[in-house]
Protein backbone atom coordinates (compact mmCIF):
# COMPACT_ATOMS: atom_id res chain seq x y z
CA MET A 1 63.69 -22.46 46.83
CA TRP A 2 62.64 -23.46 43.26
CA GLU A 3 61.95 -27.10 44.04
CA GLY A 4 59.12 -28.63 42.02
CA THR A 5 58.74 -25.61 39.71
CA TRP A 6 60.48 -24.43 36.57
CA GLY A 7 60.79 -20.84 37.64
CA TRP A 8 61.47 -18.61 34.64
CA GLY A 9 61.29 -21.60 32.29
CA HIS A 10 57.65 -22.13 33.26
CA MET A 11 56.81 -18.53 32.38
CA ILE A 12 58.58 -18.75 29.01
CA VAL A 13 56.92 -22.04 28.02
CA GLY A 14 53.52 -20.75 29.20
CA GLY A 15 53.93 -17.59 27.10
CA LEU A 16 54.93 -19.55 24.03
CA MET A 17 52.00 -21.92 24.46
CA MET A 18 49.63 -18.93 24.64
CA ILE A 19 51.05 -17.58 21.37
CA VAL A 20 50.73 -21.00 19.70
CA PHE A 21 47.15 -21.28 20.95
CA TRP A 22 46.12 -17.91 19.45
CA VAL A 23 47.91 -18.63 16.15
CA VAL A 24 45.97 -21.89 15.83
CA VAL A 25 42.65 -20.19 16.72
CA ILE A 26 43.21 -17.41 14.15
CA ALA A 27 44.32 -19.88 11.44
CA LEU A 28 41.19 -21.98 12.00
CA ALA A 29 39.00 -18.87 11.81
CA VAL A 30 40.61 -17.81 8.52
CA LEU A 31 40.19 -21.29 7.04
CA LEU A 32 36.56 -21.40 8.14
CA VAL A 33 35.78 -18.00 6.59
CA ARG A 34 37.48 -18.99 3.33
CA ALA A 35 35.60 -22.28 3.18
CA LEU A 36 32.24 -20.61 3.80
CA SER A 37 32.82 -17.73 1.39
CA GLY A 38 34.16 -19.88 -1.45
CA ALA A 39 37.35 -17.84 -1.69
CA GLY A 40 39.34 -21.00 -2.21
CA GLN A 41 37.65 -21.85 -5.50
CA SER A 42 39.89 -22.07 -8.49
CA ARG A 43 39.41 -19.95 -11.58
CA ALA A 44 38.29 -23.05 -13.47
CA ASP A 45 35.10 -23.04 -11.41
CA HIS A 46 34.11 -19.62 -12.71
CA ARG A 47 32.47 -19.41 -16.11
CA SER A 48 33.24 -16.62 -18.51
CA ALA A 49 30.62 -13.98 -19.23
CA LEU A 50 30.44 -15.16 -22.85
CA ALA A 51 29.77 -18.77 -21.79
CA ILE A 52 26.95 -17.61 -19.49
CA LEU A 53 25.49 -15.50 -22.29
CA GLU A 54 25.59 -18.46 -24.68
CA GLU A 55 23.83 -20.65 -22.12
CA ARG A 56 21.09 -18.07 -21.59
CA PHE A 57 20.56 -17.87 -25.34
CA ALA A 58 20.45 -21.65 -25.63
CA ARG A 59 17.82 -21.86 -22.88
CA GLY A 60 15.72 -19.24 -24.63
CA GLU A 61 16.02 -16.64 -21.87
CA ILE A 62 17.14 -14.00 -24.37
CA ASP A 63 16.39 -13.57 -28.07
CA ARG A 64 18.91 -13.51 -30.90
CA GLU A 65 18.99 -9.71 -31.11
CA GLU A 66 19.78 -9.30 -27.40
CA PHE A 67 22.36 -12.11 -27.60
CA GLU A 68 24.16 -10.48 -30.54
CA GLU A 69 24.15 -7.05 -28.88
CA ARG A 70 25.51 -8.32 -25.56
CA ARG A 71 28.05 -10.53 -27.31
CA ARG A 72 29.27 -7.56 -29.33
CA LEU A 73 29.62 -5.48 -26.15
CA LEU A 74 31.54 -8.24 -24.39
CA LEU A 75 33.93 -8.71 -27.30
CA GLU A 76 34.45 -4.95 -27.67
CA GLY A 77 35.25 -4.73 -23.97
CA ARG A 78 37.94 -7.37 -24.32
CA THR A 79 39.46 -5.54 -27.28
CA ASP A 80 39.45 -2.20 -25.44
CA ARG A 81 41.15 -3.70 -22.40
CA SER A 82 43.83 -5.42 -24.45
CA VAL A 83 44.61 -2.16 -26.27
CA ARG A 84 44.89 -0.19 -22.99
CA GLN A 85 47.26 -2.69 -21.37
């Protein structure tokens, strides 16, 4: 009666293969989204706000007064956060 077929074994293996297929498809989609969005970048790739401010001042995009004011605000913000935590 079951000659040449697996019977229930065929249904089980087929079901497992379907699950494996969808897991692989979803994993590839997640990896693709992460790669395109840059979510996998390390923290070392991100510059601090103070470093960006210093670069803008060095390039002449902002004057000394604006640099000092923004620097003061950034440093005060760090102090406030450290006190609250």
